[in-house]
N, C-alpha and C. Protein backbone atom coordinates (compact mmCIF):
# COMPACT_ATOMS: atom_id res chain seq x y z
N MET A 1 130.13 194.09 179.10
CA MET A 1 129.31 194.21 180.16
C MET A 1 128.37 194.50 179.64
N TYR A 2 126.94 194.12 180.36
CA TYR A 2 125.45 194.42 179.77
C TYR A 2 125.63 195.98 180.43
N ILE A 3 124.93 196.76 179.84
CA ILE A 3 124.43 198.42 180.07
C ILE A 3 122.87 198.55 179.94
N ALA A 4 122.23 198.49 180.82
CA ALA A 4 120.87 198.88 180.74
C ALA A 4 120.84 200.20 180.62
N ARG A 5 119.67 200.80 179.66
CA ARG A 5 119.77 202.19 179.60
C ARG A 5 119.87 202.95 180.41
N VAL A 6 118.91 202.77 181.91
CA VAL A 6 119.16 203.60 182.63
C VAL A 6 120.71 203.61 183.53
N ASP A 7 121.31 202.86 183.11
CA ASP A 7 122.61 202.76 183.80
C ASP A 7 123.82 203.36 182.80
N GLY A 8 123.42 203.56 181.81
CA GLY A 8 124.33 204.33 180.58
C GLY A 8 124.98 205.38 181.29
N GLY A 9 126.40 205.84 180.66
CA GLY A 9 127.14 206.98 181.17
C GLY A 9 126.43 208.25 180.45
N ILE A 10 126.09 209.24 181.06
CA ILE A 10 125.21 210.52 180.56
C ILE A 10 126.28 211.15 179.87
N SER A 11 127.53 211.30 180.16
CA SER A 11 128.54 212.28 179.58
C SER A 11 130.11 211.58 179.72
N GLU A 12 131.10 211.91 178.75
CA GLU A 12 132.15 211.63 178.60
C GLU A 12 132.95 212.10 179.97
N ASP A 13 132.72 213.21 180.50
CA ASP A 13 133.13 214.04 181.70
C ASP A 13 132.72 212.91 182.98
N GLU A 14 131.39 212.03 182.69
CA GLU A 14 131.24 211.39 183.89
C GLU A 14 131.91 210.01 183.91
N TRP A 15 132.33 209.35 182.77
CA TRP A 15 133.28 208.52 183.03
C TRP A 15 134.75 208.71 183.30
N ARG A 16 135.02 209.96 182.82
CA ARG A 16 136.50 210.48 183.28
C ARG A 16 136.79 210.88 184.45
N GLU A 17 135.77 211.31 184.87
CA GLU A 17 135.74 211.87 186.43
C GLU A 17 135.90 210.83 187.25
N PHE A 18 135.19 209.66 187.07
CA PHE A 18 135.28 208.40 188.06
C PHE A 18 136.41 207.57 187.82
N VAL A 19 136.95 207.64 186.55
CA VAL A 19 138.24 206.69 186.39
C VAL A 19 139.38 207.28 186.68
N ALA A 20 139.50 208.88 186.69
CA ALA A 20 140.84 209.82 187.57
C ALA A 20 140.68 209.29 188.43
N SER A 21 139.17 209.25 189.70
CA SER A 21 139.42 209.42 190.95
C SER A 21 139.67 207.89 191.27
N GLU A 22 139.27 206.90 190.67
CA GLU A 22 139.75 205.25 190.95
C GLU A 22 141.39 205.19 191.11
N GLY A 23 141.75 205.46 189.37
CA GLY A 23 143.48 205.50 189.59
C GLY A 23 143.77 203.89 189.40
N PHE A 24 142.96 202.92 189.80
CA PHE A 24 143.30 201.60 189.80
C PHE A 24 142.56 200.65 189.25
N GLY A 25 143.11 199.55 188.58
CA GLY A 25 142.20 199.02 187.49
C GLY A 25 142.77 197.42 187.35
N HIS A 26 142.18 196.84 186.50
CA HIS A 26 142.54 195.55 185.79
C HIS A 26 143.32 195.70 184.46
N LEU A 27 144.30 195.59 183.91
CA LEU A 27 145.03 195.58 182.75
C LEU A 27 144.70 194.13 182.10
N VAL A 28 144.01 193.83 181.10
CA VAL A 28 143.80 192.77 180.49
C VAL A 28 144.37 192.98 179.28
N ALA A 29 145.06 191.74 178.73
CA ALA A 29 145.84 191.61 176.97
C ALA A 29 145.71 190.15 176.84
N ALA A 30 144.79 189.92 175.74
CA ALA A 30 144.34 189.19 175.09
C ALA A 30 145.74 188.37 174.59
N GLY A 31 146.66 188.61 173.81
CA GLY A 31 147.57 188.07 173.31
C GLY A 31 146.96 187.29 172.25
N LYS A 32 148.06 186.29 171.67
CA LYS A 32 147.73 185.58 170.56
C LYS A 32 147.82 184.23 170.99
N GLY A 33 146.71 183.27 170.83
CA GLY A 33 146.82 181.76 170.83
C GLY A 33 146.65 181.45 172.16
N ARG A 34 146.49 182.37 173.16
CA ARG A 34 146.50 182.01 174.68
C ARG A 34 145.13 181.41 175.25
N ASP A 35 145.09 180.54 176.02
CA ASP A 35 143.77 180.00 176.51
C ASP A 35 143.02 180.74 177.23
N VAL A 36 143.77 181.49 178.05
CA VAL A 36 142.81 182.96 178.92
C VAL A 36 143.81 184.11 178.73
N PRO A 37 143.33 185.28 178.80
CA PRO A 37 143.97 186.52 178.82
C PRO A 37 144.86 186.66 179.80
N VAL A 38 146.05 187.56 179.69
CA VAL A 38 146.51 187.89 180.99
C VAL A 38 146.06 189.30 181.89
N VAL A 39 146.00 189.37 182.93
CA VAL A 39 145.33 190.08 183.96
C VAL A 39 146.21 190.58 184.77
N VAL A 40 146.21 191.96 184.88
CA VAL A 40 147.18 192.53 185.76
C VAL A 40 146.55 193.52 186.69
N PRO A 41 146.47 193.36 187.92
CA PRO A 41 145.86 194.79 188.75
C PRO A 41 147.15 196.04 188.72
N THR A 42 146.74 196.98 188.47
CA THR A 42 147.60 198.12 188.76
C THR A 42 147.00 199.45 188.51
N GLN A 43 148.03 200.29 189.36
CA GLN A 43 147.85 201.99 189.19
C GLN A 43 148.08 202.35 187.95
N PHE A 44 147.28 203.53 187.86
CA PHE A 44 147.68 204.10 186.38
C PHE A 44 146.84 205.60 186.37
N VAL A 45 147.15 206.30 185.37
CA VAL A 45 146.74 207.82 185.32
C VAL A 45 145.89 208.02 184.18
N LEU A 46 145.07 208.29 184.03
CA LEU A 46 144.23 208.96 183.07
C LEU A 46 144.71 210.36 182.58
N ASP A 47 145.35 210.75 181.16
CA ASP A 47 145.98 211.46 180.66
C ASP A 47 145.92 211.82 179.18
N SER A 48 144.56 212.71 179.75
CA SER A 48 144.23 213.25 178.45
C SER A 48 143.28 212.13 177.42
N ASP A 49 143.90 211.78 176.31
CA ASP A 49 143.12 210.60 175.72
C ASP A 49 144.24 209.44 175.81
N GLU A 50 145.04 209.42 176.74
CA GLU A 50 145.68 207.94 176.99
C GLU A 50 145.74 207.90 178.45
N VAL A 51 145.64 206.36 178.81
CA VAL A 51 145.90 205.89 180.18
C VAL A 51 147.31 205.52 180.06
N ILE A 52 148.40 205.90 181.21
CA ILE A 52 149.60 205.53 181.44
C ILE A 52 149.93 204.74 182.40
N LEU A 53 150.95 204.06 182.57
CA LEU A 53 151.21 203.23 183.80
C LEU A 53 152.56 202.58 183.52
N HIS A 54 153.07 201.93 184.66
CA HIS A 54 154.50 201.54 184.53
C HIS A 54 154.24 199.71 185.26
N LEU A 55 155.20 199.04 184.68
CA LEU A 55 155.27 197.79 185.29
C LEU A 55 156.52 197.21 185.20
N VAL A 56 156.96 196.11 186.18
CA VAL A 56 158.30 195.87 186.33
C VAL A 56 158.79 194.89 184.62
N GLY A 57 159.49 194.94 184.39
CA GLY A 57 159.96 194.52 182.93
C GLY A 57 159.69 193.02 182.89
N LYS A 58 159.75 192.30 183.85
CA LYS A 58 159.52 190.83 183.80
C LYS A 58 157.80 190.71 183.80
N ASN A 59 157.31 191.79 183.63
CA ASN A 59 155.66 191.20 183.95
C ASN A 59 155.10 190.62 182.66
N PRO A 60 154.46 189.45 182.76
CA PRO A 60 154.17 188.73 181.75
C PRO A 60 153.05 189.44 180.98
N ILE A 61 152.67 190.36 181.35
CA ILE A 61 151.54 190.90 180.30
C ILE A 61 151.93 191.64 179.03
N LEU A 62 153.42 191.94 179.35
CA LEU A 62 154.26 192.75 178.25
C LEU A 62 154.29 191.93 176.90
N GLU A 63 154.62 190.53 177.60
CA GLU A 63 154.54 189.26 175.99
C GLU A 63 153.37 189.52 175.46
N ALA A 64 152.11 189.48 176.27
CA ALA A 64 150.99 189.48 175.56
C ALA A 64 150.78 190.55 174.77
N ILE A 65 151.09 192.29 175.28
CA ILE A 65 150.86 193.22 174.39
C ILE A 65 151.50 193.08 173.15
N GLU A 66 153.07 192.30 173.12
CA GLU A 66 153.79 192.49 172.00
C GLU A 66 153.11 191.75 170.84
N GLU A 67 152.56 190.64 171.29
CA GLU A 67 151.80 190.05 170.49
C GLU A 67 150.48 190.41 169.96
N GLN A 68 149.65 191.10 170.81
CA GLN A 68 148.61 191.71 170.31
C GLN A 68 148.50 193.17 171.26
N PRO A 69 148.66 194.09 170.44
CA PRO A 69 148.49 195.57 171.34
C PRO A 69 147.33 195.91 171.88
N ARG A 70 146.29 195.44 171.16
CA ARG A 70 144.97 195.80 171.48
C ARG A 70 144.54 195.31 173.33
N VAL A 71 144.26 196.45 174.08
CA VAL A 71 144.21 195.72 175.49
C VAL A 71 142.81 196.44 176.38
N LEU A 72 142.43 196.14 177.17
CA LEU A 72 141.09 196.65 178.13
C LEU A 72 141.88 196.94 179.60
N MET A 73 141.55 198.08 179.93
CA MET A 73 141.68 198.43 181.24
C MET A 73 140.15 198.67 181.91
N SER A 74 139.89 197.60 182.82
CA SER A 74 138.74 197.42 183.60
C SER A 74 138.89 198.29 184.92
N VAL A 75 137.99 198.99 185.32
CA VAL A 75 137.61 200.12 186.23
C VAL A 75 136.48 199.75 187.09
N ALA A 76 136.19 199.58 188.00
CA ALA A 76 135.09 199.77 188.98
C ALA A 76 135.19 199.71 190.37
N GLY A 77 134.30 200.38 190.82
CA GLY A 77 134.50 201.05 192.33
C GLY A 77 133.15 201.71 192.61
N ASP A 78 133.29 202.53 193.70
CA ASP A 78 132.23 202.99 194.46
C ASP A 78 130.65 202.03 194.57
N TRP A 79 131.19 201.11 195.24
CA TRP A 79 129.96 199.77 194.77
C TRP A 79 129.81 199.50 196.83
N ALA A 80 128.32 199.32 196.52
CA ALA A 80 127.71 198.58 198.07
C ALA A 80 126.35 197.72 197.60
N PHE A 81 126.47 196.64 198.58
CA PHE A 81 125.29 195.89 198.78
C PHE A 81 124.26 196.32 199.04
N ILE A 82 122.94 196.43 198.48
CA ILE A 82 121.58 196.81 198.67
C ILE A 82 120.97 195.75 199.35
N PRO A 83 120.50 195.39 200.64
CA PRO A 83 119.81 194.39 201.40
C PRO A 83 118.64 194.62 200.49
N SER A 84 117.81 193.27 200.28
CA SER A 84 116.35 193.27 199.87
C SER A 84 115.46 194.20 200.60
N SER A 85 115.80 194.25 202.09
CA SER A 85 114.71 195.20 202.82
C SER A 85 114.81 196.60 202.30
N TRP A 86 116.04 197.19 202.04
CA TRP A 86 116.01 198.63 201.62
C TRP A 86 115.23 198.92 200.46
N LYS A 87 114.80 198.00 199.83
CA LYS A 87 114.03 198.50 198.63
C LYS A 87 112.69 198.23 198.72
N ALA A 88 112.17 198.17 200.01
CA ALA A 88 110.68 198.34 200.59
C ALA A 88 110.75 199.62 200.90
N VAL A 89 109.38 200.60 200.46
CA VAL A 89 109.01 202.02 200.99
C VAL A 89 107.54 201.70 201.55
N GLY A 90 107.57 202.27 202.56
CA GLY A 90 105.98 202.68 202.69
C GLY A 90 105.18 201.27 203.42
N GLU A 91 104.27 200.92 202.43
CA GLU A 91 103.57 199.94 203.12
C GLU A 91 103.92 198.56 202.26
N GLU A 92 105.23 198.56 201.72
CA GLU A 92 105.77 197.53 200.60
C GLU A 92 106.52 196.57 201.89
N ASP A 93 106.00 195.02 201.39
CA ASP A 93 106.73 194.07 202.40
C ASP A 93 108.46 193.94 202.08
N PRO A 94 108.91 194.25 203.07
CA PRO A 94 110.17 194.06 203.00
C PRO A 94 110.95 192.46 202.66
N LEU A 95 110.03 191.69 202.74
CA LEU A 95 110.36 190.40 202.45
C LEU A 95 110.29 190.15 201.16
N LEU A 96 109.62 191.04 200.25
CA LEU A 96 109.52 191.06 198.74
C LEU A 96 110.55 191.96 198.15
N GLY A 97 111.45 192.38 198.89
CA GLY A 97 112.50 193.43 198.26
C GLY A 97 113.42 192.51 197.43
N ILE A 98 114.00 193.16 196.64
CA ILE A 98 114.94 192.47 195.66
C ILE A 98 116.46 193.20 195.79
N PRO A 99 117.14 192.24 196.13
CA PRO A 99 118.48 192.95 196.62
C PRO A 99 119.37 193.08 195.62
N THR A 100 120.40 194.02 195.87
CA THR A 100 120.99 194.58 194.36
C THR A 100 122.50 194.87 194.70
N THR A 101 123.36 195.42 193.67
CA THR A 101 124.67 195.91 194.12
C THR A 101 124.43 197.05 193.30
N TYR A 102 124.95 197.99 193.95
CA TYR A 102 125.21 199.68 193.45
C TYR A 102 126.62 199.72 192.87
N TYR A 103 126.72 200.14 191.83
CA TYR A 103 128.56 200.36 191.28
C TYR A 103 128.41 201.17 190.25
N ALA A 104 129.78 201.47 189.95
CA ALA A 104 130.05 202.07 188.85
C ALA A 104 131.14 201.26 188.10
N ALA A 105 131.17 201.16 186.73
CA ALA A 105 132.28 200.52 185.80
C ALA A 105 132.47 201.44 184.65
N ALA A 106 133.99 201.41 184.50
CA ALA A 106 134.42 201.58 183.02
C ALA A 106 135.39 200.68 182.09
N GLN A 107 135.01 200.25 181.29
CA GLN A 107 136.02 199.35 180.59
C GLN A 107 136.51 200.40 179.40
N ILE A 108 137.79 200.42 178.96
CA ILE A 108 138.67 201.37 178.44
C ILE A 108 139.31 200.27 177.25
N GLN A 109 139.03 200.63 175.90
CA GLN A 109 139.82 200.06 175.15
C GLN A 109 140.68 200.48 174.32
N GLY A 110 141.75 200.09 174.06
CA GLY A 110 142.83 200.72 173.22
C GLY A 110 143.79 199.90 172.77
N SER A 111 145.00 200.79 171.99
CA SER A 111 146.28 200.14 171.76
C SER A 111 147.62 200.55 172.67
N ALA A 112 148.10 199.69 173.12
CA ALA A 112 149.17 199.80 174.26
C ALA A 112 150.61 199.87 173.31
N THR A 113 151.28 200.91 173.85
CA THR A 113 152.60 201.07 173.48
C THR A 113 153.55 200.68 174.57
N ILE A 114 154.49 199.68 174.65
CA ILE A 114 155.29 199.31 175.58
C ILE A 114 156.35 200.37 175.39
N VAL A 115 157.04 201.05 176.45
CA VAL A 115 158.10 202.17 176.37
C VAL A 115 159.07 201.39 177.18
N SER A 116 160.36 201.43 176.76
CA SER A 116 161.51 200.91 177.49
C SER A 116 162.88 201.91 177.43
N ASP A 117 162.46 202.94 176.67
CA ASP A 117 163.47 204.15 176.97
C ASP A 117 163.91 204.60 178.40
N VAL A 118 164.66 204.88 178.97
CA VAL A 118 164.66 205.17 180.16
C VAL A 118 164.18 206.69 180.71
N GLY A 119 164.45 207.52 179.48
CA GLY A 119 164.07 208.79 179.46
C GLY A 119 162.51 209.21 179.92
N GLU A 120 161.90 207.94 178.76
CA GLU A 120 160.47 208.26 178.17
C GLU A 120 159.79 207.53 179.61
N VAL A 121 160.33 206.24 180.10
CA VAL A 121 159.75 205.69 181.43
C VAL A 121 159.79 206.72 182.52
N ALA A 122 161.00 207.56 182.68
CA ALA A 122 160.99 208.54 183.63
C ALA A 122 159.94 209.50 183.43
N ALA A 123 159.81 210.03 182.29
CA ALA A 123 158.45 211.09 182.05
C ALA A 123 157.23 210.17 182.35
N ILE A 124 156.79 209.08 182.21
CA ILE A 124 155.46 208.46 182.79
C ILE A 124 155.40 208.51 184.49
N LEU A 125 156.83 208.30 184.89
CA LEU A 125 156.64 208.22 186.50
C LEU A 125 156.70 209.76 187.12
N ARG A 126 156.85 210.31 186.05
CA ARG A 126 156.55 211.67 186.91
C ARG A 126 155.45 212.09 186.44
N ARG A 127 154.51 211.81 185.29
CA ARG A 127 153.15 212.14 185.29
C ARG A 127 152.47 211.50 186.32
N GLN A 128 152.56 210.16 186.80
CA GLN A 128 152.23 209.47 187.96
C GLN A 128 152.11 210.48 189.15
N LEU A 129 153.18 210.48 189.33
CA LEU A 129 153.89 211.17 190.69
C LEU A 129 153.03 212.32 190.99
N VAL A 130 152.85 213.15 189.78
CA VAL A 130 151.91 214.54 189.95
C VAL A 130 150.80 214.44 190.25
N ALA A 131 150.07 213.12 189.69
CA ALA A 131 148.88 212.58 189.85
C ALA A 131 148.60 212.30 191.17
N LEU A 132 149.35 211.48 191.63
CA LEU A 132 149.51 210.63 192.88
C LEU A 132 149.63 211.38 194.07
N GLN A 133 151.00 212.17 194.11
CA GLN A 133 151.10 212.85 195.23
C GLN A 133 151.34 214.10 194.92
N PRO A 134 150.14 215.05 194.90
CA PRO A 134 149.73 216.45 194.17
C PRO A 134 150.70 216.96 195.10
N GLY A 135 151.73 217.80 194.89
CA GLY A 135 152.13 219.26 195.72
C GLY A 135 153.38 218.42 196.87
N LEU A 136 153.77 217.21 196.40
CA LEU A 136 154.64 216.53 197.62
C LEU A 136 155.95 216.36 196.48
N GLU A 137 157.13 217.14 196.92
CA GLU A 137 158.10 217.07 196.28
C GLU A 137 159.01 215.74 196.35
N VAL A 138 159.46 215.39 195.43
CA VAL A 138 160.51 213.98 195.21
C VAL A 138 161.52 214.33 194.20
N ALA A 139 162.34 213.41 194.64
CA ALA A 139 163.59 213.71 193.57
C ALA A 139 163.01 213.12 192.27
N ASP A 140 163.80 213.38 191.12
CA ASP A 140 163.62 213.01 189.69
C ASP A 140 163.89 211.67 189.58
N PRO A 141 163.15 210.70 188.97
CA PRO A 141 163.37 209.67 188.63
C PRO A 141 164.48 209.47 188.07
N LEU A 142 164.69 210.20 186.91
CA LEU A 142 165.61 209.77 185.94
C LEU A 142 167.30 210.16 186.72
N ALA A 143 167.31 211.30 187.66
CA ALA A 143 168.38 211.78 188.10
C ALA A 143 168.56 210.61 189.44
N ALA A 144 167.69 210.15 190.05
CA ALA A 144 167.91 209.23 191.34
C ALA A 144 167.82 208.04 191.23
N HIS A 145 167.26 207.32 190.28
CA HIS A 145 167.13 205.94 190.06
C HIS A 145 167.22 205.55 188.68
N GLU A 146 168.37 206.37 188.22
CA GLU A 146 168.33 205.70 186.23
C GLU A 146 168.78 204.21 186.46
N ALA A 147 169.43 203.57 187.35
CA ALA A 147 169.95 202.20 187.18
C ALA A 147 168.63 200.96 187.10
N GLN A 148 167.70 201.74 188.14
CA GLN A 148 166.53 200.93 188.26
C GLN A 148 165.50 201.10 186.99
N LEU A 149 165.51 202.10 186.56
CA LEU A 149 164.56 202.31 185.52
C LEU A 149 164.81 201.12 184.11
N SER A 150 165.78 200.81 184.12
CA SER A 150 166.02 200.02 182.85
C SER A 150 165.28 198.69 182.87
N THR A 151 164.77 198.46 184.46
CA THR A 151 163.92 197.28 184.80
C THR A 151 162.29 197.41 184.80
N ILE A 152 162.45 198.61 184.15
CA ILE A 152 160.44 198.94 184.27
C ILE A 152 160.35 199.46 182.99
N ARG A 153 158.95 198.97 182.72
CA ARG A 153 158.37 199.11 181.36
C ARG A 153 157.45 200.24 181.34
N GLY A 154 157.23 201.04 180.68
CA GLY A 154 155.92 202.14 180.49
C GLY A 154 155.08 201.69 179.88
N ILE A 155 154.11 201.91 179.91
CA ILE A 155 152.70 201.36 178.78
C ILE A 155 151.83 203.12 178.61
N ARG A 156 151.72 203.20 177.16
CA ARG A 156 150.83 204.11 176.89
C ARG A 156 149.76 203.54 176.33
N ILE A 157 148.58 203.76 176.68
CA ILE A 157 147.24 203.40 175.85
C ILE A 157 146.56 204.24 175.46
N VAL A 158 146.39 204.55 173.99
CA VAL A 158 145.68 205.46 173.52
C VAL A 158 144.21 204.91 173.45
N ILE A 159 143.41 205.96 173.79
CA ILE A 159 141.85 205.11 174.27
C ILE A 159 140.99 205.48 173.01
N GLU A 160 140.50 204.51 172.45
CA GLU A 160 139.82 204.07 171.40
C GLU A 160 138.31 203.93 171.58
N GLU A 161 137.83 203.14 172.79
CA GLU A 161 136.47 203.04 172.92
C GLU A 161 136.29 203.03 174.67
N VAL A 162 135.30 203.81 175.32
CA VAL A 162 135.00 203.68 176.70
C VAL A 162 133.26 203.04 176.61
N ARG A 163 133.14 201.99 177.41
CA ARG A 163 131.88 201.76 178.02
C ARG A 163 131.98 201.97 179.43
N ALA A 164 131.08 202.61 179.74
CA ALA A 164 130.68 203.17 181.17
C ALA A 164 129.37 202.37 181.58
N LYS A 165 129.31 202.09 183.06
CA LYS A 165 128.09 201.62 183.44
C LYS A 165 127.92 202.27 184.88
N PHE A 166 126.94 202.84 185.23
CA PHE A 166 126.40 203.70 186.71
C PHE A 166 125.25 203.00 187.11
N LYS A 167 125.47 202.32 187.97
CA LYS A 167 124.06 201.13 188.26
C LYS A 167 123.92 201.51 189.80
N TYR A 168 122.97 202.68 189.44
CA TYR A 168 122.79 203.23 190.99
C TYR A 168 120.77 203.28 190.87
N GLY A 169 120.02 202.41 190.83
CA GLY A 169 119.01 202.64 191.14
C GLY A 169 118.04 203.26 190.21
N GLY A 170 118.89 203.60 188.52
CA GLY A 170 117.95 204.05 187.79
C GLY A 170 116.70 203.20 187.30
N ASN A 171 116.63 201.98 187.74
CA ASN A 171 115.50 201.64 187.15
C ASN A 171 114.17 201.72 188.39
N VAL A 172 114.25 202.44 189.20
CA VAL A 172 113.16 202.61 190.19
C VAL A 172 113.17 204.08 190.24
N ASP A 173 111.78 204.37 191.28
CA ASP A 173 111.64 205.77 191.23
C ASP A 173 112.46 206.40 192.47
N VAL A 174 112.07 208.09 192.36
CA VAL A 174 113.10 208.82 193.17
C VAL A 174 112.96 208.19 194.65
N GLY A 175 111.74 207.90 195.35
CA GLY A 175 111.32 207.75 196.10
C GLY A 175 112.01 206.31 197.04
N HIS A 176 112.11 205.12 195.96
CA HIS A 176 112.69 204.18 196.55
C HIS A 176 114.72 204.49 196.52
N ARG A 177 114.74 205.28 195.43
CA ARG A 177 116.36 205.62 195.63
C ARG A 177 116.63 206.64 196.79
N GLU A 178 115.83 207.47 197.16
CA GLU A 178 116.09 208.34 198.40
C GLU A 178 116.29 207.55 199.72
N ALA A 179 115.26 206.57 199.78
CA ALA A 179 115.34 205.50 200.69
C ALA A 179 116.53 204.50 200.74
N VAL A 180 117.08 203.91 199.92
CA VAL A 180 118.60 203.43 199.58
C VAL A 180 119.34 204.38 199.98
N ILE A 181 119.20 205.68 199.44
CA ILE A 181 120.63 206.71 199.91
C ILE A 181 120.43 206.66 201.50
N ALA A 182 119.39 207.02 202.24
CA ALA A 182 119.64 207.22 203.27
C ALA A 182 119.70 206.24 204.30
N ALA A 183 119.69 204.94 203.65
CA ALA A 183 119.95 203.37 204.36
C ALA A 183 121.63 203.29 204.17
N LEU A 184 122.23 203.76 203.08
CA LEU A 184 123.64 203.61 202.82
C LEU A 184 124.52 204.96 203.65
N GLU A 185 123.75 205.83 203.81
CA GLU A 185 124.19 206.78 204.63
C GLU A 185 124.00 206.22 206.46
N ARG A 186 123.56 205.85 206.84
CA ARG A 186 123.27 205.33 208.27
C ARG A 186 124.31 204.09 208.32
N ARG A 187 124.53 203.12 207.12
CA ARG A 187 125.33 202.40 207.48
C ARG A 187 126.87 202.91 207.59
N GLY A 188 127.00 203.55 206.53
CA GLY A 188 128.15 204.37 206.59
C GLY A 188 129.60 203.70 206.05
N GLU A 189 129.62 202.76 205.58
CA GLU A 189 130.99 202.39 205.17
C GLU A 189 131.45 203.42 204.15
N PRO A 190 132.73 203.32 203.73
CA PRO A 190 133.30 204.14 202.44
C PRO A 190 132.58 203.76 201.28
N GLY A 191 132.26 202.78 200.98
CA GLY A 191 131.70 202.28 199.82
C GLY A 191 130.11 202.52 199.93
N ASP A 192 129.73 202.51 200.94
CA ASP A 192 128.35 202.84 200.98
C ASP A 192 127.83 204.61 200.94
N LEU A 193 129.15 205.30 201.32
CA LEU A 193 128.94 206.78 200.93
C LEU A 193 129.14 207.22 199.89
N ALA A 194 130.25 206.51 198.78
CA ALA A 194 130.73 206.92 197.61
C ALA A 194 129.07 206.36 196.59
N ALA A 195 128.82 205.31 197.12
CA ALA A 195 127.26 204.91 196.33
C ALA A 195 126.30 205.72 196.63
N ALA A 196 126.14 206.27 198.08
CA ALA A 196 125.04 207.37 198.09
C ALA A 196 125.13 208.59 197.46
N ARG A 197 126.52 209.07 197.43
CA ARG A 197 126.77 210.21 196.34
C ARG A 197 126.38 210.03 194.92
N GLN A 198 127.15 209.08 194.26
CA GLN A 198 126.55 208.50 193.02
C GLN A 198 125.01 208.54 192.88
N THR A 199 124.44 207.74 193.57
CA THR A 199 122.82 207.59 193.57
C THR A 199 122.30 208.81 193.64
N ARG A 200 122.61 210.06 194.38
CA ARG A 200 121.87 211.56 194.56
C ARG A 200 122.39 212.36 193.20
N ARG A 201 123.65 211.76 192.73
CA ARG A 201 124.02 212.47 191.55
C ARG A 201 123.38 212.38 190.39
N ARG A 202 123.30 211.13 190.24
CA ARG A 202 122.33 210.48 189.04
C ARG A 202 121.04 211.09 188.99
N MET A 203 120.26 210.96 190.43
CA MET A 203 119.09 211.22 190.23
C MET A 203 118.45 212.53 189.54
N GLY A 204 119.41 213.52 189.58
CA GLY A 204 118.99 214.77 188.94
C GLY A 204 119.73 215.02 187.58
N ALA A 205 120.00 213.94 186.99
CA ALA A 205 120.74 213.86 185.59
C ALA A 205 119.59 213.34 184.57
N HIS A 206 119.25 214.39 183.61
CA HIS A 206 118.31 213.80 182.43
C HIS A 206 116.83 213.28 182.99
N GLY A 207 116.77 213.54 184.04
CA GLY A 207 115.43 213.01 184.21
C GLY A 207 115.46 211.66 184.99
N GLN A 208 116.65 211.28 185.47
CA GLN A 208 116.79 209.98 185.86
C GLN A 208 116.61 210.31 187.65
């Protein structure tokens, strides 16, 4: 993806917080000699310097990973469409505003390992449950669902490179961004409120 300088990530903490809060993305494996890559939407957990997840053993992406272990996890969110009229401030003509979309995105590249041992699969499930259901007590996967674990494969992706983008009006001045924030909060959809928070946060970062 193209990342303009004003949309680049400010720090590792920024992309990590975004990716962890989303927890859902598209896993992409090119394999070898395929016309198109295999793409799988999936829940995941960012665990230190790894991305961990599990899939049913029949998922076709597993074969692609065996062919070529280098994969990409694509995560996007906190997005909102910005109508052209919102880009006009003061005496500016709203008919001349340029519409856009505010959003955050991260593309995580790394080497994937497929986990088939039921004990290791159970460990991945435990880690996901802790992240996705904090404070909620559940049966241990290995004790309660050992038979089903043989039909599941875990995936561990060692993070090698991350490209992050936070497109929240960094190309315009503070006055125009404040106008967009106010309009987003008035419209009030979940994506609008998330985009408003991201825009406000980015405004104070490194002179943006």
